[in-house]
Amino acid sequence: MPTTTTNCKNCEQPLSKDALYCAYCGQKNTDGRTTVRSLFAEFFDAVFNIESRTLRTLRTLFIPGKLTDEYFEGRQRMYVHPIRTLLVMSIFLILTLGYLDFDKVTNHPYVIWDEMQRQNQRELVMDSLVMAQRQTSAVFQDETVDLALDSLHYFLRQRIGWHGDSFNLRKYMTLFGDDRVEMISRADFLKLSPKELAKKYEPEGWFNQQTFQQTAKYIQDESVLSSYLVGSMSWIALLIMPVIALMIQLFYRKQKRFYVEHLIFSFHLHSFFFLVLSLGLLVAYASGISLLMPIVGISAIYFLFALKRVYQEGWGKTIIKWLFMGLSYMILLLAIFISVTVSSFLIF
């Protein structure tokens, strides 16, 4: 309800007598008294206004380059801020990766540890069979019985393989191309922690001790390294936004745009990438079908049409720049992936 107040209660700026809101801070021009009706009216207005901005932002985000265009056209209050949009999508992706079963999402079975446990159980059964064979032979003292038991032993060995009590830990660690043989007891590996294994077998040098321990840790649970790696890549993707914006500025330097314009475009671009990746992971989790290539294809096409809409060059120039930027982007991601993989392996 309008009052005769001549100054805003919030910022003290002068107001006309008939003003409903302050033009400086947006505070409602009121005497401070609130009714139940006005309280709930303000609440629903705030809620639905926020929801409408969020839904409008998401809807517009799926149209390549349109959200950036809208922002540059001055219709900024209608949409969620670019940085907030990026952060929300990043958090959504990180939460998705943290919630989903990484084995099922990536369609990659982590079976080294489980297979080693099964093999250990088989070896225990075979040891029991050898003892039973000796006792049976001593009791029956019959060549036919001995041949039958030998045939059974040979048949089982053919099925499960001829494995010793030790195995080469290094064959599972190909990150550094290490051809050395590091034989350890299977029983020790199943019983001791990675730190205890490193302490018992004492590899020479800090680097060998670290890789030995991390390899043992990786075999015991491969998903730990993978989840750590994906989480690290998610955060690093946020940090390379300024680099991507700089790359775009170099390709479109003749347009004399401000760097922040390219940065906002990069924010919107990666917001879409993160959203599509999150949705793709959820679908992959539900269906068991890998969607990596479709996600890459959709993202690449989106990038092409976004460049065309925002920078408004001909299709020939846009496609050429898209190809070069895509190649540069992949090289940058590959370099980051290799460095993050190596560092993650050493510290996960």
Protein backbone atom coordinates (compact mmCIF):
# COMPACT_ATOMS: atom_id res chain seq x y z
CA MET A 1 0.00 0.00 0.00
CA PRO A 2 1.50 3.39 -0.99
CA THR A 3 2.25 5.84 1.78
CA THR A 4 3.33 9.46 2.08
CA THR A 5 6.90 8.37 2.80
CA THR A 6 9.33 10.61 0.92
CA ASN A 7 12.41 8.45 1.53
CA CYS A 8 13.05 4.74 1.02
CA LYS A 9 13.15 2.86 4.32
CA ASN A 10 15.96 0.70 2.98
CA CYS A 11 18.38 3.05 1.18
CA GLU A 12 17.06 6.50 2.16
CA GLN A 13 16.74 7.57 -1.47
CA PRO A 14 13.96 10.12 -2.15
CA LEU A 15 10.66 8.68 -3.42
CA SER A 16 7.58 10.22 -4.93
CA LYS A 17 4.43 9.87 -2.85
CA ASP A 18 2.80 7.52 -5.35
CA ALA A 19 5.82 5.23 -5.87
CA LEU A 20 5.14 1.54 -5.14
CA TYR A 21 8.82 0.53 -5.19
CA CYS A 22 12.17 2.25 -4.79
CA ALA A 23 13.86 2.82 -8.14
CA TYR A 24 17.31 2.39 -6.59
CA CYS A 25 17.08 -0.79 -4.48
CA GLY A 26 13.70 -2.29 -5.37
CA GLN A 27 12.38 -2.09 -1.80
CA LYS A 28 8.59 -1.90 -1.58
CA ASN A 29 7.33 1.50 -0.44
CA THR A 30 5.50 0.61 2.76
CA ASP A 31 5.05 1.75 6.32
CA GLY A 32 6.45 -1.56 7.55
CA ARG A 33 3.16 -3.14 8.56
CA THR A 34 2.59 -6.56 6.97
CA THR A 35 -0.62 -8.56 6.62
CA VAL A 36 -0.90 -12.33 6.21
CA ARG A 37 -2.11 -11.82 2.66
CA SER A 38 0.82 -9.59 1.70
CA LEU A 39 3.30 -11.96 3.38
CA PHE A 40 2.19 -14.97 1.31
CA ALA A 41 1.79 -12.84 -1.82
CA GLU A 42 5.44 -11.76 -1.57
CA PHE A 43 6.50 -15.34 -0.88
CA PHE A 44 4.78 -16.83 -3.94
CA ASP A 45 5.96 -13.96 -6.10
CA ALA A 46 9.56 -14.60 -5.09
CA VAL A 47 9.30 -18.37 -5.52
CA PHE A 48 7.62 -18.36 -8.91
CA ASN A 49 9.83 -15.57 -10.15
CA ILE A 50 12.94 -17.60 -9.31
CA GLU A 51 11.44 -20.74 -10.85
CA SER A 52 10.48 -18.91 -14.01
CA ARG A 53 14.01 -17.54 -14.40
CA THR A 54 15.49 -21.00 -13.84
CA LEU A 55 13.15 -22.73 -16.27
CA ARG A 56 13.61 -19.96 -18.82
CA THR A 57 17.38 -20.28 -18.51
CA LEU A 58 17.31 -24.06 -18.94
CA ARG A 59 14.95 -23.84 -21.89
CA THR A 60 17.05 -21.18 -23.60
CA LEU A 61 20.28 -23.04 -22.84
CA PHE A 62 19.23 -25.85 -25.18
CA ILE A 63 19.14 -23.41 -28.11
CA PRO A 64 22.80 -22.98 -29.21
CA GLY A 65 24.07 -19.46 -28.50
CA LYS A 66 20.68 -17.96 -27.66
CA LEU A 67 21.35 -17.51 -23.94
CA THR A 68 24.54 -15.60 -24.72
CA ASP A 69 22.71 -13.47 -27.29
CA GLU A 70 19.98 -12.66 -24.78
CA TYR A 71 22.57 -11.63 -22.22
CA PHE A 72 24.34 -9.31 -24.68
CA GLU A 73 21.00 -7.82 -25.76
CA GLY A 74 20.51 -6.57 -22.21
CA ARG A 75 17.82 -9.06 -21.13
CA GLN A 76 19.92 -10.19 -18.18
CA ARG A 77 17.35 -10.07 -15.38
CA MET A 78 15.22 -12.63 -17.21
CA TYR A 79 17.87 -15.34 -16.82
CA VAL A 80 20.11 -16.83 -14.15
CA HIS A 81 23.55 -15.21 -13.98
CA PRO A 82 26.15 -17.00 -16.23
CA ILE A 83 28.49 -17.80 -13.34
CA ARG A 84 25.67 -19.16 -11.22
CA THR A 85 24.42 -21.23 -14.16
CA LEU A 86 27.89 -22.72 -14.64
CA LEU A 87 28.34 -23.47 -10.95
CA VAL A 88 24.93 -25.11 -10.67
CA MET A 89 25.61 -27.33 -13.69
CA SER A 90 29.07 -28.18 -12.36
CA ILE A 91 27.69 -29.16 -8.98
CA PHE A 92 24.97 -31.18 -10.68
CA LEU A 93 27.61 -33.08 -12.64
CA ILE A 94 29.78 -33.69 -9.58
CA LEU A 95 26.79 -34.89 -7.56
CA THR A 96 25.76 -37.15 -10.42
CA LEU A 97 29.21 -38.71 -10.60
CA GLY A 98 29.27 -39.11 -6.84
CA TYR A 99 25.84 -40.72 -6.66
CA LEU A 100 25.95 -43.12 -9.57
CA ASP A 101 27.72 -46.46 -9.63
CA PHE A 102 30.86 -45.61 -11.62
CA ASP A 103 31.25 -49.21 -12.83
CA LYS A 104 27.78 -49.22 -14.40
CA VAL A 105 27.93 -45.65 -15.74
CA THR A 106 31.15 -46.24 -17.66
CA ASN A 107 30.13 -49.78 -18.62
CA HIS A 108 33.54 -50.90 -17.35
CA PRO A 109 33.71 -53.91 -14.99
CA TYR A 110 36.30 -53.67 -12.22
CA VAL A 111 37.10 -57.36 -11.71
CA ILE A 112 40.82 -57.62 -10.87
CA TRP A 113 40.32 -57.78 -7.11
CA ASP A 114 37.26 -60.03 -7.36
CA GLU A 115 38.96 -62.37 -9.81
CA MET A 116 42.00 -62.59 -7.53
CA GLN A 117 39.78 -63.53 -4.61
CA ARG A 118 38.04 -66.18 -6.70
CA GLN A 119 41.38 -67.53 -7.86
CA ASN A 120 42.57 -67.72 -4.26
CA GLN A 121 39.44 -69.70 -3.33
CA ARG A 122 40.04 -72.05 -6.27
CA GLU A 123 43.63 -72.60 -5.17
CA LEU A 124 42.43 -73.47 -1.68
CA VAL A 125 40.00 -75.99 -3.17
CA MET A 126 42.77 -77.46 -5.31
CA ASP A 127 45.02 -77.78 -2.24
CA SER A 128 42.20 -79.57 -0.45
CA LEU A 129 41.75 -81.83 -3.47
CA VAL A 130 45.45 -82.77 -3.45
CA MET A 131 45.24 -83.69 0.23
CA ALA A 132 42.05 -85.69 -0.38
CA GLN A 133 43.72 -87.41 -3.34
CA ARG A 134 46.64 -88.53 -1.18
CA GLN A 135 44.35 -89.85 1.53
CA THR A 136 42.10 -91.62 -0.99
CA SER A 137 45.10 -93.24 -2.71
CA ALA A 138 46.45 -94.46 0.63
CA VAL A 139 43.12 -96.06 1.52
CA PHE A 140 42.13 -97.63 -1.83
CA GLN A 141 45.61 -98.35 -3.26
CA ASP A 142 44.07 -98.84 -6.70
CA GLU A 143 45.52 -97.52 -9.98
CA THR A 144 42.03 -96.96 -11.42
CA VAL A 145 41.14 -94.69 -8.50
CA ASP A 146 44.46 -92.85 -8.87
CA LEU A 147 43.86 -92.31 -12.60
CA ALA A 148 40.36 -91.00 -11.93
CA LEU A 149 41.62 -88.56 -9.32
CA ASP A 150 44.48 -87.46 -11.60
CA SER A 151 42.01 -86.88 -14.42
CA LEU A 152 39.79 -84.81 -12.14
CA HIS A 153 42.79 -82.77 -10.96
CA TYR A 154 43.97 -82.21 -14.54
CA PHE A 155 40.47 -81.26 -15.72
CA LEU A 156 40.07 -78.65 -12.97
CA ARG A 157 43.53 -77.25 -13.64
CA GLN A 158 42.68 -76.87 -17.29
CA ARG A 159 39.54 -74.95 -16.36
CA ILE A 160 41.02 -72.56 -13.77
CA GLY A 161 44.55 -72.24 -15.15
CA TRP A 162 47.97 -73.00 -13.75
CA HIS A 163 48.59 -70.26 -11.23
CA GLY A 164 51.28 -70.07 -8.60
CA ASP A 165 51.15 -68.68 -5.11
CA SER A 166 52.60 -65.35 -6.30
CA PHE A 167 51.79 -62.87 -9.02
CA ASN A 168 53.48 -59.93 -10.73
CA LEU A 169 52.07 -56.70 -9.31
CA ARG A 170 53.69 -54.63 -12.06
CA LYS A 171 51.67 -56.18 -14.87
CA TYR A 172 48.63 -54.22 -13.65
CA MET A 173 50.52 -50.91 -13.63
CA THR A 174 51.05 -49.72 -17.20
CA LEU A 175 50.95 -45.98 -16.52
CA PHE A 176 54.74 -45.58 -16.62
CA GLY A 177 55.57 -48.49 -18.94
CA ASP A 178 57.45 -50.32 -16.19
CA ASP A 179 58.64 -53.77 -17.36
CA ARG A 180 60.16 -54.84 -14.06
CA VAL A 181 58.81 -57.90 -12.29
CA GLU A 182 57.53 -57.39 -8.75
CA MET A 183 56.42 -60.78 -7.46
CA ILE A 184 54.36 -60.78 -4.28
CA SER A 185 52.39 -63.43 -2.45
CA ARG A 186 48.73 -63.64 -3.37
CA ALA A 187 47.90 -64.44 0.23
CA ASP A 188 49.79 -61.34 1.42
CA PHE A 189 48.03 -59.20 -1.14
CA LEU A 190 44.58 -60.35 -0.05
CA LYS A 191 45.39 -59.97 3.63
CA LEU A 192 47.57 -56.84 3.91
CA SER A 193 46.80 -53.19 3.19
CA PRO A 194 48.79 -51.33 0.48
CA LYS A 195 50.93 -49.61 3.13
CA GLU A 196 51.63 -52.93 4.84
CA LEU A 197 52.56 -54.52 1.52
CA ALA A 198 54.98 -51.71 0.71
CA LYS A 199 56.53 -52.01 4.15
CA LYS A 200 56.95 -55.79 3.84
CA TYR A 201 58.35 -55.93 0.28
CA GLU A 202 60.35 -52.67 0.56
CA PRO A 203 60.67 -51.40 -3.04
CA GLU A 204 63.83 -49.31 -3.52
CA GLY A 205 63.41 -45.55 -3.72
CA TRP A 206 60.51 -43.23 -2.93
CA PHE A 207 59.05 -43.35 -6.45
CA ASN A 208 59.05 -47.15 -6.58
CA GLN A 209 57.51 -47.34 -3.13
CA GLN A 210 54.77 -44.87 -4.13
CA THR A 211 53.92 -46.62 -7.40
CA PHE A 212 54.02 -50.03 -5.67
CA GLN A 213 51.60 -48.87 -2.98
CA GLN A 214 49.29 -47.05 -5.39
CA THR A 215 49.22 -50.03 -7.76
CA ALA A 216 48.17 -52.30 -4.91
CA LYS A 217 45.52 -49.76 -3.91
CA TYR A 218 44.30 -49.55 -7.50
CA ILE A 219 43.94 -53.33 -7.87
CA GLN A 220 42.06 -53.63 -4.59
CA ASP A 221 39.47 -51.08 -5.78
CA GLU A 222 39.83 -49.72 -9.30
CA SER A 223 36.78 -47.46 -8.97
CA VAL A 224 38.54 -45.30 -6.33
CA LEU A 225 41.08 -44.00 -8.85
CA SER A 226 38.45 -43.59 -11.56
CA SER A 227 36.10 -41.64 -9.31
CA TYR A 228 38.97 -39.48 -8.03
CA LEU A 229 40.09 -38.83 -11.59
CA VAL A 230 36.62 -37.84 -12.79
CA GLY A 231 36.13 -35.57 -9.77
CA SER A 232 39.46 -33.87 -10.42
CA MET A 233 38.65 -33.38 -14.09
CA SER A 234 35.31 -31.79 -13.16
CA TRP A 235 36.99 -29.12 -11.07
CA ILE A 236 39.77 -28.58 -13.60
CA ALA A 237 37.14 -28.04 -16.30
CA LEU A 238 36.03 -25.00 -14.29
CA LEU A 239 39.57 -23.67 -14.11
CA ILE A 240 40.17 -23.83 -17.87
CA MET A 241 37.23 -21.54 -18.66
CA PRO A 242 39.49 -18.45 -18.93
CA VAL A 243 41.83 -20.37 -21.26
CA ILE A 244 38.96 -21.40 -23.52
CA ALA A 245 37.66 -17.82 -23.57
CA LEU A 246 41.13 -16.59 -24.56
CA MET A 247 41.29 -19.14 -27.36
CA ILE A 248 37.92 -17.98 -28.69
CA GLN A 249 39.06 -14.35 -28.48
CA LEU A 250 42.12 -15.16 -30.60
CA PHE A 251 39.98 -16.74 -33.31
CA TYR A 252 37.55 -13.79 -33.30
CA ARG A 253 39.97 -10.97 -32.54
CA LYS A 254 38.82 -8.95 -35.57
CA GLN A 255 35.39 -8.49 -34.00
CA LYS A 256 36.91 -6.30 -31.27
CA ARG A 257 34.82 -7.89 -28.55
CA PHE A 258 35.71 -7.63 -24.87
CA TYR A 259 37.33 -10.66 -23.28
CA VAL A 260 34.45 -10.96 -20.80
CA GLU A 261 32.04 -11.52 -23.70
CA HIS A 262 33.98 -14.59 -24.77
CA LEU A 263 34.13 -15.68 -21.13
CA ILE A 264 30.35 -15.49 -20.78
CA PHE A 265 29.98 -17.48 -24.00
CA SER A 266 32.36 -20.08 -22.56
CA PHE A 267 30.31 -20.23 -19.35
CA HIS A 268 27.09 -20.87 -21.25
CA LEU A 269 28.78 -23.36 -23.56
CA HIS A 270 30.18 -25.47 -20.74
CA SER A 271 26.97 -25.19 -18.74
CA PHE A 272 25.28 -27.02 -21.60
CA PHE A 273 28.13 -29.56 -21.82
CA PHE A 274 27.90 -30.33 -18.10
CA LEU A 275 24.12 -30.62 -18.23
CA VAL A 276 24.13 -32.97 -21.22
CA LEU A 277 26.90 -35.07 -19.67
CA SER A 278 24.97 -35.37 -16.41
CA LEU A 279 21.77 -36.36 -18.19
CA GLY A 280 23.71 -38.81 -20.36
CA LEU A 281 25.24 -40.46 -17.30
CA LEU A 282 21.82 -40.81 -15.69
CA VAL A 283 20.41 -42.42 -18.82
CA ALA A 284 23.46 -44.70 -19.08
CA TYR A 285 23.01 -45.71 -15.45
CA ALA A 286 19.34 -46.56 -16.01
CA SER A 287 19.81 -48.38 -19.31
CA GLY A 288 23.34 -49.80 -19.03
CA ILE A 289 24.15 -48.39 -22.49
CA SER A 290 27.25 -46.23 -22.96
CA LEU A 291 26.33 -42.79 -24.37
CA LEU A 292 29.81 -41.26 -24.53
CA MET A 293 29.96 -40.90 -28.31
CA PRO A 294 26.42 -39.45 -28.66
CA ILE A 295 27.25 -36.92 -25.92
CA VAL A 296 30.45 -35.89 -27.71
CA GLY A 297 28.57 -35.59 -31.01
CA ILE A 298 25.76 -33.50 -29.53
CA SER A 299 28.26 -31.22 -27.79
CA ALA A 300 30.29 -30.71 -30.98
CA ILE A 301 27.19 -29.83 -33.04
CA TYR A 302 25.95 -27.51 -30.30
CA PHE A 303 29.34 -25.74 -30.28
CA LEU A 304 29.19 -25.22 -34.05
CA PHE A 305 25.70 -23.69 -34.06
CA ALA A 306 26.48 -21.59 -30.98
CA LEU A 307 29.51 -20.08 -32.74
CA LYS A 308 27.40 -19.32 -35.80
CA ARG A 309 24.65 -17.61 -33.79
CA VAL A 310 26.82 -15.56 -31.43
CA TYR A 311 29.61 -14.44 -33.79
CA GLN A 312 27.47 -14.25 -36.95
CA GLU A 313 30.06 -15.20 -39.53
CA GLY A 314 29.49 -17.24 -42.68
CA TRP A 315 29.24 -21.00 -42.48
CA GLY A 316 32.59 -21.48 -44.21
CA LYS A 317 34.58 -19.40 -41.71
CA THR A 318 32.56 -20.76 -38.80
CA ILE A 319 33.21 -24.39 -39.72
CA ILE A 320 36.94 -23.78 -40.22
CA LYS A 321 37.26 -22.01 -36.87
CA TRP A 322 35.10 -24.67 -35.25
CA LEU A 323 37.42 -27.41 -36.50
CA PHE A 324 40.58 -25.64 -35.34
CA MET A 325 39.08 -24.70 -31.98
CA GLY A 326 37.74 -28.23 -31.52
CA LEU A 327 41.18 -29.69 -32.25
CA SER A 328 42.86 -27.20 -29.89
CA TYR A 329 40.27 -27.96 -27.24
CA MET A 330 40.85 -31.72 -27.53
CA ILE A 331 44.64 -31.29 -27.37
CA LEU A 332 44.28 -29.14 -24.25
CA LEU A 333 41.94 -31.66 -22.63
CA LEU A 334 44.31 -34.51 -23.53
CA ALA A 335 47.29 -32.73 -21.98
CA ILE A 336 45.27 -31.97 -18.86
CA PHE A 337 43.95 -35.54 -18.74
CA ILE A 338 47.45 -37.03 -18.89
CA SER A 339 48.82 -34.71 -16.20
CA VAL A 340 45.79 -35.24 -13.96
CA THR A 341 45.92 -39.02 -14.48
CA VAL A 342 49.58 -39.21 -13.48
CA SER A 343 49.13 -36.93 -10.46
CA SER A 344 45.90 -38.67 -9.44
CA PHE A 345 47.58 -42.08 -9.58
CA LEU A 346 50.32 -40.87 -7.26
CA ILE A 347 48.04 -39.22 -4.67
CA PHE A 348 44.57 -40.84 -4.82
